[in-house]
């Protein structure tokens, strides 16, 4: 029993669909229904995660991770111009580690 429908009702519904749409169109319809369900769940996941992203943006004050990294670099006396993020982050962490050791 699926959703309040017994096996007899399901068989009647399937026969009705075969008569109405034909045997060759049913697999295409089932495939498109599955794809639609997947898209729906994907959109639902995006919508439920959007508040988390917005909250993180608000906590960062609207700044990107790169902007925050550049501000950290300037605070420890590094000119971030022309440096990629990974090298800049490594230099910042090295300088901050030296400062904390002293």
C-alpha atoms as a PDB file:
ATOM      1  CA  UNK A   1       0.000   0.000   0.000  1.00  0.00           C
ATOM      2  CA  UNK A   2       1.634   3.202  -1.229  1.00  0.00           C
ATOM      3  CA  UNK A   3       0.169   6.523  -0.106  1.00  0.00           C
ATOM      4  CA  UNK A   4      -3.228   5.016   0.662  1.00  0.00           C
ATOM      5  CA  UNK A   5      -3.431   3.157  -2.660  1.00  0.00           C
ATOM      6  CA  UNK A   6      -3.632  -0.612  -2.784  1.00  0.00           C
ATOM      7  CA  UNK A   7      -2.137  -2.841  -5.464  1.00  0.00           C
ATOM      8  CA  UNK A   8      -5.423  -3.011  -7.386  1.00  0.00           C
ATOM      9  CA  UNK A   9      -5.668   0.768  -7.605  1.00  0.00           C
ATOM     10  CA  UNK A  10      -2.047   1.054  -8.741  1.00  0.00           C
ATOM     11  CA  UNK A  11      -2.604  -1.520 -11.499  1.00  0.00           C
ATOM     12  CA  UNK A  12      -5.695   0.343 -12.694  1.00  0.00           C
ATOM     13  CA  UNK A  13      -3.742   3.624 -12.765  1.00  0.00           C
ATOM     14  CA  UNK A  14      -0.866   2.016 -14.721  1.00  0.00           C
ATOM     15  CA  UNK A  15      -3.281   0.516 -17.277  1.00  0.00           C
ATOM     16  CA  UNK A  16      -4.933   3.911 -17.627  1.00  0.00           C
ATOM     17  CA  UNK A  17      -1.543   5.559 -18.307  1.00  0.00           C
ATOM     18  CA  UNK A  18      -0.632   2.876 -20.879  1.00  0.00           C
ATOM     19  CA  UNK A  19      -3.908   3.467 -22.707  1.00  0.00           C
ATOM     20  CA  UNK A  20      -3.682   7.249 -22.463  1.00  0.00           C
ATOM     21  CA  UNK A  21      -0.009   7.816 -23.308  1.00  0.00           C
ATOM     22  CA  UNK A  22       1.189   4.621 -24.969  1.00  0.00           C
ATOM     23  CA  UNK A  23       3.998   2.302 -23.961  1.00  0.00           C
ATOM     24  CA  UNK A  24       6.733   4.205 -25.806  1.00  0.00           C
ATOM     25  CA  UNK A  25       6.082   7.566 -24.116  1.00  0.00           C
ATOM     26  CA  UNK A  26       5.927   6.294 -20.536  1.00  0.00           C
ATOM     27  CA  UNK A  27       9.707   5.776 -20.092  1.00  0.00           C
ATOM     28  CA  UNK A  28      10.346   9.296 -21.425  1.00  0.00           C
ATOM     29  CA  UNK A  29       7.753  10.717 -19.054  1.00  0.00           C
ATOM     30  CA  UNK A  30       9.217   8.804 -16.115  1.00  0.00           C
ATOM     31  CA  UNK A  31      12.715  10.037 -16.992  1.00  0.00           C
ATOM     32  CA  UNK A  32      11.594  13.658 -17.247  1.00  0.00           C
ATOM     33  CA  UNK A  33       9.660  13.301 -13.998  1.00  0.00           C
ATOM     34  CA  UNK A  34      12.805  12.012 -12.283  1.00  0.00           C
ATOM     35  CA  UNK A  35      14.872  14.873 -13.701  1.00  0.00           C
ATOM     36  CA  UNK A  36      12.263  17.374 -12.560  1.00  0.00           C
ATOM     37  CA  UNK A  37      12.310  15.884  -9.078  1.00  0.00           C
ATOM     38  CA  UNK A  38      16.115  16.164  -9.028  1.00  0.00           C
ATOM     39  CA  UNK A  39      15.989  19.812 -10.107  1.00  0.00           C
ATOM     40  CA  UNK A  40      13.358  20.516  -7.464  1.00  0.00           C
ATOM     41  CA  UNK A  41      15.516  19.027  -4.708  1.00  0.00           C
ATOM     42  CA  UNK A  42      18.571  20.903  -6.006  1.00  0.00           C
ATOM     43  CA  UNK A  43      16.658  24.197  -5.886  1.00  0.00           C
ATOM     44  CA  UNK A  44      15.289  23.383  -2.455  1.00  0.00           C
ATOM     45  CA  UNK A  45      18.806  22.699  -1.176  1.00  0.00           C
ATOM     46  CA  UNK A  46      20.032  26.031  -2.594  1.00  0.00           C
ATOM     47  CA  UNK A  47      17.204  27.886  -0.901  1.00  0.00           C
ATOM     48  CA  UNK A  48      17.797  26.222   2.469  1.00  0.00           C
ATOM     49  CA  UNK A  49      21.540  26.941   2.328  1.00  0.00           C
ATOM     50  CA  UNK A  50      21.100  30.549   1.210  1.00  0.00           C
ATOM     51  CA  UNK A  51      20.477  31.876   4.760  1.00  0.00           C
ATOM     52  CA  UNK A  52      23.722  30.232   5.914  1.00  0.00           C
ATOM     53  CA  UNK A  53      25.662  31.951   3.125  1.00  0.00           C
ATOM     54  CA  UNK A  54      23.970  35.264   3.864  1.00  0.00           C
ATOM     55  CA  UNK A  55      24.773  34.949   7.559  1.00  0.00           C
ATOM     56  CA  UNK A  56      28.439  34.275   6.759  1.00  0.00           C
ATOM     57  CA  UNK A  57      28.504  37.314   4.451  1.00  0.00           C
ATOM     58  CA  UNK A  58      26.995  39.512   7.160  1.00  0.00           C
ATOM     59  CA  UNK A  59      29.527  38.300   9.705  1.00  0.00           C
ATOM     60  CA  UNK A  60      32.310  39.194   7.262  1.00  0.00           C
ATOM     61  CA  UNK A  61      30.856  42.671   6.878  1.00  0.00           C
ATOM     62  CA  UNK A  62      30.210  42.152   3.175  1.00  0.00           C
ATOM     63  CA  UNK A  63      33.902  41.554   2.494  1.00  0.00           C
ATOM     64  CA  UNK A  64      35.226  38.646   0.484  1.00  0.00           C
ATOM     65  CA  UNK A  65      37.787  36.209   1.857  1.00  0.00           C
ATOM     66  CA  UNK A  66      40.403  37.806  -0.392  1.00  0.00           C
ATOM     67  CA  UNK A  67      39.668  41.283   0.983  1.00  0.00           C
ATOM     68  CA  UNK A  68      40.003  40.007   4.541  1.00  0.00           C
ATOM     69  CA  UNK A  69      43.311  38.353   3.611  1.00  0.00           C
ATOM     70  CA  UNK A  70      44.616  41.619   2.099  1.00  0.00           C
ATOM     71  CA  UNK A  71      43.639  43.490   5.276  1.00  0.00           C
ATOM     72  CA  UNK A  72      45.496  40.935   7.409  1.00  0.00           C
ATOM     73  CA  UNK A  73      48.550  41.326   5.142  1.00  0.00           C
ATOM     74  CA  UNK A  74      48.545  45.101   5.494  1.00  0.00           C
ATOM     75  CA  UNK A  75      48.168  44.767   9.271  1.00  0.00           C
ATOM     76  CA  UNK A  76      51.398  42.747   9.515  1.00  0.00           C
ATOM     77  CA  UNK A  77      53.236  44.985   7.035  1.00  0.00           C
ATOM     78  CA  UNK A  78      53.075  42.969   3.800  1.00  0.00           C
ATOM     79  CA  UNK A  79      52.224  44.576   0.460  1.00  0.00           C
ATOM     80  CA  UNK A  80      49.709  42.140  -1.073  1.00  0.00           C
ATOM     81  CA  UNK A  81      49.961  43.532  -4.616  1.00  0.00           C
ATOM     82  CA  UNK A  82      50.726  40.852  -7.191  1.00  0.00           C
ATOM     83  CA  UNK A  83      50.731  37.928  -4.749  1.00  0.00           C
ATOM     84  CA  UNK A  84      48.421  34.974  -5.022  1.00  0.00           C
ATOM     85  CA  UNK A  85      46.267  34.099  -2.039  1.00  0.00           C
ATOM     86  CA  UNK A  86      48.080  30.919  -0.990  1.00  0.00           C
ATOM     87  CA  UNK A  87      51.540  32.552  -0.867  1.00  0.00           C
ATOM     88  CA  UNK A  88      50.138  35.612   0.872  1.00  0.00           C
ATOM     89  CA  UNK A  89      48.401  33.469   3.483  1.00  0.00           C
ATOM     90  CA  UNK A  90      51.614  31.509   4.127  1.00  0.00           C
ATOM     91  CA  UNK A  91      53.611  34.735   4.647  1.00  0.00           C
ATOM     92  CA  UNK A  92      50.978  36.177   6.966  1.00  0.00           C
ATOM     93  CA  UNK A  93      50.880  33.023   9.069  1.00  0.00           C
ATOM     94  CA  UNK A  94      54.691  32.922   9.252  1.00  0.00           C
ATOM     95  CA  UNK A  95      54.859  36.553  10.425  1.00  0.00           C
ATOM     96  CA  UNK A  96      52.033  36.058  12.916  1.00  0.00           C
ATOM     97  CA  UNK A  97      53.808  32.969  14.295  1.00  0.00           C
ATOM     98  CA  UNK A  98      57.018  34.990  14.731  1.00  0.00           C
ATOM     99  CA  UNK A  99      55.115  37.768  16.486  1.00  0.00           C
ATOM    100  CA  UNK A 100      53.446  35.323  18.868  1.00  0.00           C
ATOM    101  CA  UNK A 101      56.816  33.718  19.753  1.00  0.00           C
ATOM    102  CA  UNK A 102      58.249  37.038  20.910  1.00  0.00           C
END
